[in-house]
Amino acid sequence: MAWVTLFEQRAEKRGLERGIERGLQEGRQKGLQEGRQEGRQEGRQEGRQEGRLEALRQTLTAQLSMRFGPMDERTRQRVDEGTVPELEQWTLAVIGASEINEVFGSSP
């Protein structure tokens, strides 16, 4: 009967090893899937932010050009370096500005 107990112990050990390996594989797979999903979500969000920034820059550039004529290099650089909050503020400021420096609150 000792050999039955030994056989059972070995079988149990192999079963545990297989179970652990299967659990590790499933855990790795789940981790990879979650990582990919998170990466896609972050990529989409960054893409939306970049798209919004570019749209605001294009809108402001068009407004400034239509209202005040061709932009000089300093104004163009300021628009290109503007943050989303700045671009939003400037886009609204164009509406009531009579001179380009009023849009930026000072000389561009």
Protein backbone atom coordinates (compact mmCIF):
# COMPACT_ATOMS: atom_id res chain seq x y z
CA MET A 1 0.00 0.00 0.00
CA ALA A 2 2.95 2.34 0.42
CA TRP A 3 3.44 2.41 -3.35
CA VAL A 4 -0.21 3.56 -3.77
CA THR A 5 0.42 6.46 -1.41
CA LEU A 6 3.64 7.31 -3.22
CA PHE A 7 1.86 7.11 -6.57
CA GLU A 8 -0.93 9.36 -5.26
CA GLN A 9 1.57 11.88 -3.91
CA ARG A 10 3.41 12.02 -7.23
CA ALA A 11 0.14 12.35 -9.15
CA GLU A 12 -0.98 15.10 -6.79
CA LYS A 13 2.35 16.90 -7.20
CA ARG A 14 2.12 16.68 -11.02
CA GLY A 15 -1.46 17.92 -10.86
CA LEU A 16 -0.41 20.88 -8.71
CA GLU A 17 2.47 21.70 -11.04
CA ARG A 18 0.17 21.57 -14.07
CA GLY A 19 -2.41 23.66 -12.27
CA ILE A 20 0.16 26.26 -11.31
CA GLU A 21 1.52 26.37 -14.87
CA ARG A 22 -1.97 26.67 -16.34
CA GLY A 23 -2.79 29.42 -13.85
CA LEU A 24 0.39 31.28 -14.73
CA GLN A 25 -0.34 31.00 -18.46
CA GLU A 26 -3.90 32.23 -17.99
CA GLY A 27 -2.64 35.05 -15.79
CA ARG A 28 -0.06 36.08 -18.38
CA GLN A 29 -2.65 35.97 -21.15
CA LYS A 30 -5.12 38.03 -19.14
CA GLY A 31 -2.37 40.51 -18.26
CA LEU A 32 -1.40 40.86 -21.92
CA GLN A 33 -5.00 41.40 -22.97
CA GLU A 34 -5.55 44.00 -20.27
CA GLY A 35 -2.30 45.71 -21.20
CA ARG A 36 -3.24 45.82 -24.87
CA GLN A 37 -6.68 47.18 -24.08
CA GLU A 38 -5.24 49.84 -21.80
CA GLY A 39 -2.69 50.77 -24.45
CA ARG A 40 -5.41 51.11 -27.10
CA GLN A 41 -7.49 53.30 -24.78
CA GLU A 42 -4.52 55.54 -24.01
CA GLY A 43 -3.69 55.75 -27.70
CA ARG A 44 -7.26 56.75 -28.57
CA GLN A 45 -7.28 59.39 -25.86
CA GLU A 46 -3.95 60.82 -27.00
CA GLY A 47 -5.21 60.82 -30.58
CA ARG A 48 -8.34 62.72 -29.59
CA GLN A 49 -6.27 65.26 -27.66
CA GLU A 50 -3.89 65.74 -30.58
CA GLY A 51 -6.84 66.07 -32.96
CA ARG A 52 -8.48 68.68 -30.75
CA LEU A 53 -5.24 70.63 -30.49
CA GLU A 54 -4.74 70.57 -34.26
CA ALA A 55 -8.36 71.58 -34.91
CA LEU A 56 -8.06 74.55 -32.54
CA ARG A 57 -4.82 75.63 -34.20
CA GLN A 58 -6.37 75.43 -37.67
CA THR A 59 -9.49 77.28 -36.55
CA LEU A 60 -7.52 80.08 -34.89
CA THR A 61 -5.17 80.37 -37.87
CA ALA A 62 -8.13 80.70 -40.23
CA GLN A 63 -9.87 83.25 -38.00
CA LEU A 64 -6.74 85.37 -37.60
CA SER A 65 -5.96 85.28 -41.32
CA MET A 66 -9.51 86.21 -42.31
CA ARG A 67 -9.80 88.96 -39.73
CA PHE A 68 -6.33 90.50 -39.78
CA GLY A 69 -4.66 89.21 -42.96
CA PRO A 70 -1.57 87.00 -43.26
CA MET A 71 0.08 86.15 -39.96
CA ASP A 72 3.69 87.00 -39.25
CA GLU A 73 6.10 84.29 -38.09
CA ARG A 74 5.89 85.25 -34.41
CA THR A 75 2.09 84.96 -34.42
CA ARG A 76 2.23 81.65 -36.29
CA GLN A 77 4.77 80.31 -33.76
CA ARG A 78 2.61 81.44 -30.85
CA VAL A 79 -0.39 79.61 -32.30
CA ASP A 80 1.73 76.49 -32.96
CA GLU A 81 2.99 76.47 -29.36
CA GLY A 82 -0.36 77.30 -27.74
CA THR A 83 -1.98 74.92 -25.28
CA VAL A 84 -5.61 73.84 -25.57
CA PRO A 85 -6.81 76.38 -22.94
CA GLU A 86 -4.86 79.19 -24.61
CA LEU A 87 -6.13 78.30 -28.07
CA GLU A 88 -9.72 78.16 -26.80
CA GLN A 89 -9.32 81.58 -25.18
CA TRP A 90 -7.70 83.11 -28.28
CA THR A 91 -10.32 81.61 -30.60
CA LEU A 92 -13.04 83.37 -28.60
CA ALA A 93 -11.01 86.58 -28.29
CA VAL A 94 -10.84 86.96 -32.09
CA ILE A 95 -14.58 87.66 -32.14
CA GLY A 96 -14.32 90.98 -30.30
CA ALA A 97 -10.78 92.01 -31.20
CA SER A 98 -10.16 95.00 -33.41
CA GLU A 99 -6.39 94.38 -33.50
CA ILE A 100 -4.42 91.14 -33.41
CA ASN A 101 -2.62 92.05 -30.19
CA GLU A 102 -6.01 92.12 -28.44
CA VAL A 103 -6.42 88.42 -29.20
CA PHE A 104 -3.32 87.49 -27.24
CA GLY A 105 -3.63 90.15 -24.57
CA SER A 106 -0.26 91.62 -25.64
CA SER A 107 1.96 91.79 -28.68
CA PRO A 108 2.25 88.32 -30.27
